[in-house]
Amino acid sequence: MSKTIIVSNRLPVKIAEKDGEFVLAPSEGGLATGLGSIYRNGNNVWIGWPGLVVPEQKDQDDIRQQMAGMNLMPVYLEQEEINNFYEGFSNETLWPVFHYMAVYARYEQGYWDAYYRVNEKFRDLILSVAEPDDVIWIHDYQLLLLPGMIRQALPDVSIGFFLHIPFPSFELFRLIPWRAELLEGMLGADLLGFHTFDDSRHFINAVTRILPINASANQLMVNDRAVVAETFPMGIDYDKYASMGTDAEVQQQLRQLEENFHGIKMILTIDRLDYSKGILQRLQAFELFLQLYPEYAEKVVLYMIVVPSRDTVPQYVALRDEIDKLVGGINARFRTINWHPVHYFYRSFPIETLSALYNFADICLVTPMRDGMNLVSKEYVASRTQNNGVLILSEMAGASKELIDALIVNPNNIGAITRALEEALIMPLPEQYRRMKQMRQVVAKFNVNHWVKLFMDRLQEVKQIQQSMLARRLSTDMQLHVQQAYKKAGRRAIFLDYDGTLVGFNVNVDLASPDQELYHLLRSLTADPSNEVVMISGRKHETLSEWLGHLRLHLIAEHGAWQRRQGGKWHKLPGLNDQWKQEIYTILDTYTDRTPGSFIEEKSYSLVWHYRKVEAGLGELRANELVGTLRYYTSDKGLMVLPGDKVIEVKNAEINKGRATLNWLHDDHFDFVMAIGDDHTDEDIFKALPEDAITIKVGSQVSAARYYLRNFKEVRQFLTTLV
């Protein structure tokens, strides 16, 4: 029976050592809550590090046994692995780059080696329990290599991956020396989840620019497997936070807060100690606020909780010292006998205390410099059952894309945060109700359970897409079927495209001439008297003559504008004119001047704009602009605009590969008809041929063709099996 395996760096459990024994208690994190419905069921399992070093084998076995009853499996790490894998590569290389703080990043080979080894350790434990029908859901930046490692061992297993932190823009991600390996690891997954659309877009951009992989919208083709990158904003356990206000412990703490801060407005801020959280800028904004609005003295407090984190790292120590200085400075400058402007706590608090603060605070100030989602903002909104209170939220947090009724600020703009504080303090209650009600509806609907269901459903859909694509792959079994039909046939017509079908694309179009292997293959195909082989290409007829004219081949050039029977003369399609070329050439020339690396190729009855040598991104941008311009100019001229693989071609509408193919077949009868092509223009052939014809698209599954092959090498191998 299939099971779900959840994998994360940390297990959803707290371990404490008591009287020489290890005691386990479930963790209360958001991820643990959301995935509890999955990992606690049946034979499902959660794999991860228990959070501490357990050197003794006996203790490891005891913990393993205790955890088995909770559907958990521990991965044990040594202190050196924690130092280099977790503290090192995960938090000193990936964390700063992914949070746009690349100046703090360290690129140490030892860190990378440890990261690789620990990902292998996770892989080995997963493979000891995983079966081909299982679903494996991997979480976060500590395990970016893991999906690829599992994919190599279990090619057909379902793998989902979710990144809980931002994915940086290409310019930052490319700084990492092991960038290609990280992307290849991530692409082992079938579905990649991100908090925001920007993150998924950055990921796709990085993949297409660093690896030889193409993307269509949010779908990437990786070794014949569709991989989808999609946005799944993570939610919280809404009901838990909405109902906690009635808890007796919370109520008691609320009364205490009301007593301590009677008549004073509270601005609440809760963060882990980290340079990505914008804590210093927040304090500077509060200091400026007290300076600009002295009338709020003794009427407002900043209640700041900073949870300790990585105290040994120099940047974090320096940040803590800076916070201490700023808080001390503000309190020294503005406090009175009865009032401290900043109440600062450098420690963590139980959830009951946090709930009391969420329920009491008039304003929640959440201004990270960069954050994946930021669940504090959602926890505050869920807690506001009276629909009052104001959320001030950084536009750099993923939550800002959903909680659009918050006061959205740029965390680098101290003045904007100051103005937002003033606006929040004077916001009338009806306005607070309107904003908070909208946000609570969003948080209630898109809760953590909704997030889990959405991700798992989409993972299932992606596997179905892959299966439907596999059904059209010209597999070994299907090739045998084609070979049998080929052998039985008395007369055969074989239509072959050239570029991208029989040879790979070359940056220099004139250097893509046939090699000896291809000449040998074509001679073998044409040596059989039953075969009529037609090379049907967009190339100039002069080029085809030079390269292939000496073979026993029929040639169709420039998509059907020129035709030549084997050994005969070239004939052009009647009724064609080239009077339009000068006007269109001028347009293409303008775009060539604006796009370094592009050039124009002139054929008898068509013009082609090539942008294979143009910088990635710029070429596509110019091509889209050019297509729009050309369609406007060609609409009444009987011309067609054809976007192809790094080319845009303008030709007479009468020129059509499908029409040329049908003309060729018109007077003859063939028992076996086959066409292979890779381009947009080859779709006309696939559509024109009868249903029983063997039609094969190269390099893409989105096609009218019955089958597909991945590249020109597979085409050559397939044709070799026929002869």
Foldseek 3Di string as FASTA:
>chain_A
DAAEEEEEAEDQWAWDADPNAIDIDGHDDQVCVQCVVGQQDDLYAYEHAHPDADPDPVRQVVVQVVCVNRRYHYQHDDPVLCVQLPVNCQPQAVVCLQLVNRVRHDQDPSSVVSLVVVLVSSLVVCVVPHDQAYEYEYEEDSNLQNLLVNCVVRVRHAYEYEHFWAGDALVSLVVHPCSVSSLNSNQSHQEYEAADPVRLVRSQVNCVQPDVWDDDVQWIQDVLATHGYDYQRAAGPLVCLQPLCPPPLLVVLLVVVCVLLPQAAEEEEEEEQDLQQLLLLLLVLVLVLCVVCVVCQSRYAYEYEYAYDPCVDVVSVVSVVSNVVSLVVSQVVRPDPSDGRYRYHHHDDDPSNLSSCLQRHQEYEGAGQATRADHSQLSSLSSPNVLGHAYEYEPRHSNCVPLVLHNYDHSVDSNSSSVSVVCSVPPDGVSSNVSSVSSNVSSVVSHNNVSVVVSVVVSVVSSVVSVVQVVFACDPVNLVVQLVLLVPWQAEEEEEEQEFAQFDDDLDNLPRADDPLSVVLQQVQVVPVRYAYEHAYLAAPVSCCVRPLVHQHWYAYNLRQWTGHRPGDIDGDPPADQPCVVVLVVLLVVLPVVFPSWDWDDHPFKIKIARPRTDPPVLVVSVVVSVVVVCVVCVPPQWDWFDKDRMIMIGHVVRANLVNVCVVCVPDDTSAYEYEEAIPRCLSNLVNDDPVYQYEYECDSPGSGSHYHDTNVVSSVSSVVSD
